[in-house]
PDB file of N, CA and C in Angstrom:
ATOM      1  N   MET A   1      99.604 103.667  88.678  1.00  0.00           N
ATOM      2  CA  MET A   1      98.203 103.698  89.046  1.00  0.00           C
ATOM      3  C   MET A   1      97.755 102.803  90.490  1.00  0.00           C
ATOM      4  N   LEU A   2      98.709 102.119  90.266  1.00  0.00           N
ATOM      5  CA  LEU A   2      98.477 101.407  91.434  1.00  0.00           C
ATOM      6  C   LEU A   2      99.411 102.299  92.797  1.00  0.00           C
ATOM      7  N   ILE A   3     100.459 103.267  92.624  1.00  0.00           N
ATOM      8  CA  ILE A   3     100.528 104.135  93.470  1.00  0.00           C
ATOM      9  C   ILE A   3      99.751 104.801  94.183  1.00  0.00           C
ATOM     10  N   GLY A   4      98.598 105.374  92.996  1.00  0.00           N
ATOM     11  CA  GLY A   4      98.305 106.461  93.368  1.00  0.00           C
ATOM     12  C   GLY A   4      96.791 106.098  94.036  1.00  0.00           C
ATOM     13  N   THR A   5      96.681 104.676  93.682  1.00  0.00           N
ATOM     14  CA  THR A   5      95.303 103.861  94.936  1.00  0.00           C
ATOM     15  C   THR A   5      95.714 103.855  96.048  1.00  0.00           C
ATOM     16  N   ALA A   6      97.162 103.704  96.002  1.00  0.00           N
ATOM     17  CA  ALA A   6      97.599 103.261  97.442  1.00  0.00           C
ATOM     18  C   ALA A   6      97.683 104.741  98.543  1.00  0.00           C
ATOM     19  N   LEU A   7      97.939 105.630  97.525  1.00  0.00           N
ATOM     20  CA  LEU A   7      97.996 107.001  97.949  1.00  0.00           C
ATOM     21  C   LEU A   7      96.643 107.883  98.377  1.00  0.00           C
ATOM     22  N   LEU A   8      95.755 107.227  97.595  1.00  0.00           N
ATOM     23  CA  LEU A   8      94.004 107.546  97.665  1.00  0.00           C
ATOM     24  C   LEU A   8      93.959 107.045  98.978  1.00  0.00           C
ATOM     25  N   ALA A   9      94.286 105.727  99.380  1.00  0.00           N
ATOM     26  CA  ALA A   9      93.732 104.644 100.559  1.00  0.00           C
ATOM     27  C   ALA A   9      94.277 105.683 101.569  1.00  0.00           C
ATOM     28  N   CYS A  10      95.730 105.382 101.537  1.00  0.00           N
ATOM     29  CA  CYS A  10      96.397 106.730 102.962  1.00  0.00           C
ATOM     30  C   CYS A  10      95.257 107.503 103.507  1.00  0.00           C
ATOM     31  N   ILE A  11      94.974 108.749 102.239  1.00  0.00           N
ATOM     32  CA  ILE A  11      94.359 109.803 102.747  1.00  0.00           C
ATOM     33  C   ILE A  11      92.708 109.218 103.214  1.00  0.00           C
ATOM     34  N   LEU A  12      92.134 108.212 102.698  1.00  0.00           N
ATOM     35  CA  LEU A  12      91.205 108.055 103.165  1.00  0.00           C
ATOM     36  C   LEU A  12      90.836 107.703 104.631  1.00  0.00           C
ATOM     37  N   SER A  13      92.055 106.699 104.924  1.00  0.00           N
ATOM     38  CA  SER A  13      92.296 105.954 105.890  1.00  0.00           C
ATOM     39  C   SER A  13      92.529 107.037 107.367  1.00  0.00           C
ATOM     40  N   VAL A  14      92.507 108.067 107.177  1.00  0.00           N
ATOM     41  CA  VAL A  14      92.675 109.064 108.258  1.00  0.00           C
ATOM     42  C   VAL A  14      91.534 109.489 108.967  1.00  0.00           C
ATOM     43  N   PRO A  15      90.507 109.989 108.003  1.00  0.00           N
ATOM     44  CA  PRO A  15      89.281 110.219 108.840  1.00  0.00           C
ATOM     45  C   PRO A  15      88.298 108.962 109.600  1.00  0.00           C
ATOM     46  N   LEU A  16      88.797 107.365 108.816  1.00  0.00           N
ATOM     47  CA  LEU A  16      88.249 106.126 108.921  1.00  0.00           C
ATOM     48  C   LEU A  16      88.744 105.920 110.902  1.00  0.00           C
ATOM     49  N   ILE A  17      90.079 106.115 111.079  1.00  0.00           N
ATOM     50  CA  ILE A  17      90.549 105.948 111.811  1.00  0.00           C
ATOM     51  C   ILE A  17      90.401 106.947 113.049  1.00  0.00           C
ATOM     52  N   GLY A  18      89.839 108.120 112.637  1.00  0.00           N
ATOM     53  CA  GLY A  18      88.786 109.273 113.579  1.00  0.00           C
ATOM     54  C   GLY A  18      90.212 110.298 113.860  1.00  0.00           C
ATOM     55  N   GLY A  19      91.165 110.119 112.892  1.00  0.00           N
ATOM     56  CA  GLY A  19      91.885 110.981 112.702  1.00  0.00           C
ATOM     57  C   GLY A  19      91.524 112.337 111.746  1.00  0.00           C
ATOM     58  N   ARG A  20      92.142 113.906 111.552  1.00  0.00           N
ATOM     59  CA  ARG A  20      91.855 115.202 110.693  1.00  0.00           C
ATOM     60  C   ARG A  20      93.074 114.917 110.022  1.00  0.00           C
ATOM     61  N   LEU A  21      92.848 115.236 109.149  1.00  0.00           N
ATOM     62  CA  LEU A  21      94.043 115.439 107.883  1.00  0.00           C
ATOM     63  C   LEU A  21      95.032 116.622 108.130  1.00  0.00           C
ATOM     64  N   PRO A  22      94.123 117.779 108.591  1.00  0.00           N
ATOM     65  CA  PRO A  22      95.307 118.847 109.010  1.00  0.00           C
ATOM     66  C   PRO A  22      96.408 118.720 109.724  1.00  0.00           C
ATOM     67  N   ARG A  23      95.474 117.662 110.935  1.00  0.00           N
ATOM     68  CA  ARG A  23      97.035 117.282 111.978  1.00  0.00           C
ATOM     69  C   ARG A  23      98.085 116.614 111.545  1.00  0.00           C
ATOM     70  N   LEU A  24      98.221 116.107 110.121  1.00  0.00           N
ATOM     71  CA  LEU A  24      99.436 115.682 109.585  1.00  0.00           C
ATOM     72  C   LEU A  24     100.485 116.399 109.225  1.00  0.00           C
ATOM     73  N   GLY A  25      99.749 117.993 108.986  1.00  0.00           N
ATOM     74  CA  GLY A  25     101.388 118.592 108.541  1.00  0.00           C
ATOM     75  C   GLY A  25     102.350 119.179 109.736  1.00  0.00           C
ATOM     76  N   PRO A  26     102.042 119.314 110.994  1.00  0.00           N
ATOM     77  CA  PRO A  26     103.089 119.473 111.498  1.00  0.00           C
ATOM     78  C   PRO A  26     104.065 118.190 112.206  1.00  0.00           C
ATOM     79  N   LEU A  27     103.706 116.768 111.265  1.00  0.00           N
ATOM     80  CA  LEU A  27     104.307 115.877 111.650  1.00  0.00           C
ATOM     81  C   LEU A  27     105.832 116.294 111.333  1.00  0.00           C
ATOM     82  N   GLU A  28     106.953 115.549 112.003  1.00  0.00           N
ATOM     83  CA  GLU A  28     107.976 115.859 111.472  1.00  0.00           C
ATOM     84  C   GLU A  28     108.926 114.409 111.572  1.00  0.00           C
ATOM     85  N   PHE A  29     109.186 113.934 110.305  1.00  0.00           N
ATOM     86  CA  PHE A  29     109.465 112.486 109.815  1.00  0.00           C
ATOM     87  C   PHE A  29     111.035 113.039 109.829  1.00  0.00           C
ATOM     88  N   ARG A  30     111.901 112.051 110.355  1.00  0.00           N
ATOM     89  CA  ARG A  30     113.185 111.736 110.289  1.00  0.00           C
ATOM     90  C   ARG A  30     113.913 110.916 109.082  1.00  0.00           C
ATOM     91  N   HIS A  31     114.510 111.540 108.480  1.00  0.00           N
ATOM     92  CA  HIS A  31     114.792 111.117 107.257  1.00  0.00           C
ATOM     93  C   HIS A  31     113.879 110.710 105.883  1.00  0.00           C
ATOM     94  N   ALA A  32     113.136 111.918 105.876  1.00  0.00           N
ATOM     95  CA  ALA A  32     112.116 111.548 105.077  1.00  0.00           C
ATOM     96  C   ALA A  32     112.424 111.034 103.671  1.00  0.00           C
ATOM     97  N   TRP A  33     113.905 111.581 103.382  1.00  0.00           N
ATOM     98  CA  TRP A  33     114.290 111.262 102.048  1.00  0.00           C
ATOM     99  C   TRP A  33     114.303 109.559 101.505  1.00  0.00           C
ATOM    100  N   LEU A  34     114.460 108.477 102.872  1.00  0.00           N
ATOM    101  CA  LEU A  34     114.616 107.057 102.658  1.00  0.00           C
ATOM    102  C   LEU A  34     113.446 106.636 102.055  1.00  0.00           C
ATOM    103  N   PRO A  35     111.951 107.230 101.951  1.00  0.00           N
ATOM    104  CA  PRO A  35     111.231 106.519 100.936  1.00  0.00           C
ATOM    105  C   PRO A  35     110.939 106.929 100.020  1.00  0.00           C
ATOM    106  N   VAL A  36     111.635 108.142 100.069  1.00  0.00           N
ATOM    107  CA  VAL A  36     111.219 108.512  98.697  1.00  0.00           C
ATOM    108  C   VAL A  36     112.875 107.861  98.009  1.00  0.00           C
ATOM    109  N   ALA A  37     113.650 107.507  98.495  1.00  0.00           N
ATOM    110  CA  ALA A  37     114.988 106.884  97.289  1.00  0.00           C
ATOM    111  C   ALA A  37     114.389 105.794  97.258  1.00  0.00           C
ATOM    112  N   ALA A  38     113.386 104.669  98.029  1.00  0.00           N
ATOM    113  CA  ALA A  38     113.372 103.821  97.798  1.00  0.00           C
ATOM    114  C   ALA A  38     112.284 103.488  96.567  1.00  0.00           C
ATOM    115  N   LEU A  39     111.454 104.760  96.567  1.00  0.00           N
ATOM    116  CA  LEU A  39     110.205 104.707  95.060  1.00  0.00           C
ATOM    117  C   LEU A  39     111.234 104.633  94.097  1.00  0.00           C
ATOM    118  N   LEU A  40     111.672 105.766  94.425  1.00  0.00           N
ATOM    119  CA  LEU A  40     112.544 105.975  92.999  1.00  0.00           C
ATOM    120  C   LEU A  40     113.451 104.950  92.501  1.00  0.00           C
ATOM    121  N   ALA A  41     113.865 104.290  93.422  1.00  0.00           N
ATOM    122  CA  ALA A  41     114.717 103.077  93.248  1.00  0.00           C
ATOM    123  C   ALA A  41     114.193 102.020  92.647  1.00  0.00           C
ATOM    124  N   GLN A  42     113.048 101.888  93.054  1.00  0.00           N
ATOM    125  CA  GLN A  42     112.103 100.883  92.404  1.00  0.00           C
ATOM    126  C   GLN A  42     111.413 100.902  91.155  1.00  0.00           C
ATOM    127  N   VAL A  43     111.061 102.622  90.545  1.00  0.00           N
ATOM    128  CA  VAL A  43     110.570 102.658  89.664  1.00  0.00           C
ATOM    129  C   VAL A  43     111.251 102.191  88.608  1.00  0.00           C
ATOM    130  N   MET A  44     112.565 102.754  89.282  1.00  0.00           N
ATOM    131  CA  MET A  44     113.777 102.857  87.909  1.00  0.00           C
ATOM    132  C   MET A  44     113.970 100.953  87.826  1.00  0.00           C
ATOM    133  N   ILE A  45     113.814 100.293  88.361  1.00  0.00           N
ATOM    134  CA  ILE A  45     114.316  98.950  88.439  1.00  0.00           C
ATOM    135  C   ILE A  45     113.115  98.202  87.933  1.00  0.00           C
ATOM    136  N   ILE A  46     111.845  98.708  88.265  1.00  0.00           N
ATOM    137  CA  ILE A  46     111.000  97.708  87.569  1.00  0.00           C
ATOM    138  C   ILE A  46     110.570  98.124  86.216  1.00  0.00           C
ATOM    139  N   SER A  47     110.305  99.689  86.514  1.00  0.00           N
ATOM    140  CA  SER A  47     109.910 100.335  84.923  1.00  0.00           C
ATOM    141  C   SER A  47     110.511 101.046  83.831  1.00  0.00           C
ATOM    142  N   VAL A  48     111.665 101.333  84.750  1.00  0.00           N
ATOM    143  CA  VAL A  48     112.688 101.855  83.528  1.00  0.00           C
ATOM    144  C   VAL A  48     113.577 100.954  82.873  1.00  0.00           C
ATOM    145  N   LEU A  49     114.248 100.371  83.863  1.00  0.00           N
ATOM    146  CA  LEU A  49     115.225  99.346  83.532  1.00  0.00           C
ATOM    147  C   LEU A  49     114.894  97.773  83.597  1.00  0.00           C
ATOM    148  N   PRO A  50     113.629  97.500  83.382  1.00  0.00           N
ATOM    149  CA  PRO A  50     113.294  96.058  83.695  1.00  0.00           C
ATOM    150  C   PRO A  50     114.399  94.966  83.026  1.00  0.00           C
ATOM    151  N   GLY A  51     114.576  93.993  84.044  1.00  0.00           N
ATOM    152  CA  GLY A  51     115.420  93.133  83.664  1.00  0.00           C
ATOM    153  C   GLY A  51     116.841  93.348  83.473  1.00  0.00           C
ATOM    154  N   GLY A  52     117.520  94.302  83.593  1.00  0.00           N
ATOM    155  CA  GLY A  52     119.009  95.241  83.706  1.00  0.00           C
ATOM    156  C   GLY A  52     119.527  94.860  84.850  1.00  0.00           C
ATOM    157  N   GLY A  53     120.809  94.463  84.753  1.00  0.00           N
ATOM    158  CA  GLY A  53     121.660  94.581  85.673  1.00  0.00           C
ATOM    159  C   GLY A  53     121.579  93.350  86.510  1.00  0.00           C
ATOM    160  N   GLY A  54     120.846  92.083  85.888  1.00  0.00           N
ATOM    161  CA  GLY A  54     120.775  90.924  86.515  1.00  0.00           C
ATOM    162  C   GLY A  54     120.850  90.960  87.943  1.00  0.00           C
ATOM    163  N   GLY A  55     121.942  90.437  89.062  1.00  0.00           N
ATOM    164  CA  GLY A  55     121.194  90.145  90.385  1.00  0.00           C
ATOM    165  C   GLY A  55     121.511  91.310  90.898  1.00  0.00           C
ATOM    166  N   LEU A  56     122.309  92.499  90.462  1.00  0.00           N
ATOM    167  CA  LEU A  56     122.533  93.474  91.028  1.00  0.00           C
ATOM    168  C   LEU A  56     120.871  94.111  91.000  1.00  0.00           C
ATOM    169  N   SER A  57     120.382  94.319  90.298  1.00  0.00           N
ATOM    170  CA  SER A  57     118.598  94.667  90.019  1.00  0.00           C
ATOM    171  C   SER A  57     118.012  94.075  91.728  1.00  0.00           C
ATOM    172  N   GLU A  58     117.959  93.018  91.729  1.00  0.00           N
ATOM    173  CA  GLU A  58     117.565  92.133  93.161  1.00  0.00           C
ATOM    174  C   GLU A  58     117.839  92.638  94.385  1.00  0.00           C
ATOM    175  N   GLY A  59     119.611  92.890  94.281  1.00  0.00           N
ATOM    176  CA  GLY A  59     119.531  93.503  95.531  1.00  0.00           C
ATOM    177  C   GLY A  59     119.507  94.538  95.611  1.00  0.00           C
ATOM    178  N   ILE A  60     119.266  95.414  94.728  1.00  0.00           N
ATOM    179  CA  ILE A  60     118.973  96.813  95.311  1.00  0.00           C
ATOM    180  C   ILE A  60     117.487  96.770  95.787  1.00  0.00           C
ATOM    181  N   HIS A  61     116.440  96.051  94.531  1.00  0.00           N
ATOM    182  CA  HIS A  61     115.063  95.889  95.351  1.00  0.00           C
ATOM    183  C   HIS A  61     114.966  95.424  96.547  1.00  0.00           C
ATOM    184  N   LEU A  62     115.907  94.761  97.020  1.00  0.00           N
ATOM    185  CA  LEU A  62     115.839  94.083  98.484  1.00  0.00           C
ATOM    186  C   LEU A  62     116.411  95.438  99.209  1.00  0.00           C
ATOM    187  N   ALA A  63     117.241  96.189  98.981  1.00  0.00           N
ATOM    188  CA  ALA A  63     117.803  96.963  99.765  1.00  0.00           C
ATOM    189  C   ALA A  63     116.685  98.201  99.980  1.00  0.00           C
ATOM    190  N   THR A  64     115.350  98.248  99.201  1.00  0.00           N
ATOM    191  CA  THR A  64     114.588  99.493  99.203  1.00  0.00           C
ATOM    192  C   THR A  64     113.649  99.248  99.850  1.00  0.00           C
ATOM    193  N   TYR A  65     113.428  97.613 100.368  1.00  0.00           N
ATOM    194  CA  TYR A  65     112.891  97.107 101.284  1.00  0.00           C
ATOM    195  C   TYR A  65     113.269  97.683 102.571  1.00  0.00           C
ATOM    196  N   ALA A  66     114.496  97.162 102.502  1.00  0.00           N
ATOM    197  CA  ALA A  66     115.098  97.418 103.857  1.00  0.00           C
ATOM    198  C   ALA A  66     115.544  99.208 104.527  1.00  0.00           C
ATOM    199  N   ALA A  67     115.379  99.579 103.429  1.00  0.00           N
ATOM    200  CA  ALA A  67     115.744 101.376 103.674  1.00  0.00           C
ATOM    201  C   ALA A  67     114.246 101.955 104.337  1.00  0.00           C
ATOM    202  N   LEU A  68     113.323 101.047 103.780  1.00  0.00           N
ATOM    203  CA  LEU A  68     111.564 101.758 104.214  1.00  0.00           C
ATOM    204  C   LEU A  68     111.634 100.891 105.888  1.00  0.00           C
ATOM    205  N   GLY A  69     112.288  99.817 105.865  1.00  0.00           N
ATOM    206  CA  GLY A  69     112.300  99.446 107.587  1.00  0.00           C
ATOM    207  C   GLY A  69     112.872 100.315 108.657  1.00  0.00           C
ATOM    208  N   VAL A  70     113.867 100.707 108.080  1.00  0.00           N
ATOM    209  CA  VAL A  70     114.767 101.514 108.510  1.00  0.00           C
ATOM    210  C   VAL A  70     113.877 102.773 108.773  1.00  0.00           C
ATOM    211  N   PHE A  71     113.144 103.650 107.901  1.00  0.00           N
ATOM    212  CA  PHE A  71     112.407 104.723 107.987  1.00  0.00           C
ATOM    213  C   PHE A  71     111.069 104.254 109.209  1.00  0.00           C
ATOM    214  N   LEU A  72     110.835 103.389 108.843  1.00  0.00           N
ATOM    215  CA  LEU A  72     109.853 103.221 110.114  1.00  0.00           C
ATOM    216  C   LEU A  72     110.875 102.947 111.400  1.00  0.00           C
ATOM    217  N   VAL A  73     111.391 102.377 111.761  1.00  0.00           N
ATOM    218  CA  VAL A  73     112.381 101.942 113.110  1.00  0.00           C
ATOM    219  C   VAL A  73     112.641 103.751 113.254  1.00  0.00           C
ATOM    220  N   LEU A  74     113.151 104.749 112.670  1.00  0.00           N
ATOM    221  CA  LEU A  74     113.386 105.946 113.088  1.00  0.00           C
ATOM    222  C   LEU A  74     112.318 106.835 113.582  1.00  0.00           C
ATOM    223  N   ASN A  75     110.896 106.313 112.811  1.00  0.00           N
ATOM    224  CA  ASN A  75     109.960 107.611 112.893  1.00  0.00           C
ATOM    225  C   ASN A  75     109.073 106.460 113.917  1.00  0.00           C
ATOM    226  N   ARG A  76     109.445 105.595 114.614  1.00  0.00           N
ATOM    227  CA  ARG A  76     108.193 104.885 115.103  1.00  0.00           C
ATOM    228  C   ARG A  76     107.431 105.742 116.290  1.00  0.00           C
ATOM    229  N   HIS A  77     107.900 106.655 116.299  1.00  0.00           N
ATOM    230  CA  HIS A  77     107.214 107.744 117.211  1.00  0.00           C
ATOM    231  C   HIS A  77     106.062 108.463 116.717  1.00  0.00           C
ATOM    232  N   VAL A  78     105.915 108.228 115.814  1.00  0.00           N
ATOM    233  CA  VAL A  78     105.130 108.694 114.965  1.00  0.00           C
ATOM    234  C   VAL A  78     103.973 108.219 115.416  1.00  0.00           C
ATOM    235  N   PRO A  79     102.442 108.272 116.079  1.00  0.00           N
ATOM    236  CA  PRO A  79     101.235 107.597 115.861  1.00  0.00           C
ATOM    237  C   PRO A  79     101.106 107.175 114.650  1.00  0.00           C
ATOM    238  N   GLY A  80     100.556 105.756 114.368  1.00  0.00           N
ATOM    239  CA  GLY A  80      99.929 105.535 113.114  1.00  0.00           C
ATOM    240  C   GLY A  80     100.784 104.942 112.256  1.00  0.00           C
ATOM    241  N   LEU A  81     101.941 105.295 112.486  1.00  0.00           N
ATOM    242  CA  LEU A  81     102.942 104.975 111.326  1.00  0.00           C
ATOM    243  C   LEU A  81     103.343 103.570 111.469  1.00  0.00           C
ATOM    244  N   VAL A  82     103.644 103.260 112.102  1.00  0.00           N
ATOM    245  CA  VAL A  82     104.037 101.587 112.643  1.00  0.00           C
ATOM    246  C   VAL A  82     102.625 100.675 112.612  1.00  0.00           C
ATOM    247  N   PRO A  83     102.366 100.229 112.121  1.00  0.00           N
ATOM    248  CA  PRO A  83     100.903  99.065 112.298  1.00  0.00           C
ATOM    249  C   PRO A  83     100.794  98.814 113.805  1.00  0.00           C
ATOM    250  N   GLY A  84      99.386  98.906 113.972  1.00  0.00           N
ATOM    251  CA  GLY A  84      99.351  98.191 115.367  1.00  0.00           C
ATOM    252  C   GLY A  84      99.425  99.212 116.417  1.00  0.00           C
ATOM    253  N   ARG A  85      99.811 100.586 116.119  1.00  0.00           N
ATOM    254  CA  ARG A  85     100.017 101.666 116.996  1.00  0.00           C
ATOM    255  C   ARG A  85      99.409 103.287 116.960  1.00  0.00           C
ATOM    256  N   LEU A  86      98.178 102.861 116.892  1.00  0.00           N
ATOM    257  CA  LEU A  86      97.460 103.934 116.298  1.00  0.00           C
ATOM    258  C   LEU A  86      97.772 105.413 117.389  1.00  0.00           C
ATOM    259  N   ARG A  87      97.786 105.179 118.660  1.00  0.00           N
ATOM    260  CA  ARG A  87      97.963 106.290 119.707  1.00  0.00           C
ATOM    261  C   ARG A  87      98.946 106.362 120.282  1.00  0.00           C
ATOM    262  N   PRO A  88      99.491 107.107 120.783  1.00  0.00           N
ATOM    263  CA  PRO A  88     101.085 106.872 121.731  1.00  0.00           C
ATOM    264  C   PRO A  88     100.512 106.612 123.179  1.00  0.00           C
ATOM    265  N   ALA A  89     101.612 105.641 123.952  1.00  0.00           N
ATOM    266  CA  ALA A  89     101.012 104.998 124.936  1.00  0.00           C
ATOM    267  C   ALA A  89     100.668 106.144 125.860  1.00  0.00           C
ATOM    268  N   GLN A  90      99.766 105.715 126.959  1.00  0.00           N
ATOM    269  CA  GLN A  90      99.672 106.429 128.292  1.00  0.00           C
ATOM    270  C   GLN A  90     100.588 106.131 129.215  1.00  0.00           C
ATOM    271  N   ALA A  91     101.338 107.164 129.985  1.00  0.00           N
ATOM    272  CA  ALA A  91     101.968 106.291 131.032  1.00  0.00           C
ATOM    273  C   ALA A  91     100.733 106.326 132.347  1.00  0.00           C
TER     274      ALA A  91
END
């Protein structure tokens, strides 16, 4: 439920900042599998195997946040992906 609400908020935020949803289609993300893998790992740790694995679960959970950070760094060229950077810098 929380993920669905967050997805809806993301979709609604596009027109709120003056963007258009069809312009999101041609965006090319580098290593787009990283956030998907991080989300799947978190779902497994939190919902499917809660409390299992001891310290390993905590380490994997922290690694998912690191993976999302790497994704943001690799895709910092995408306007609006990194907070505070809504438009590309003009020379």
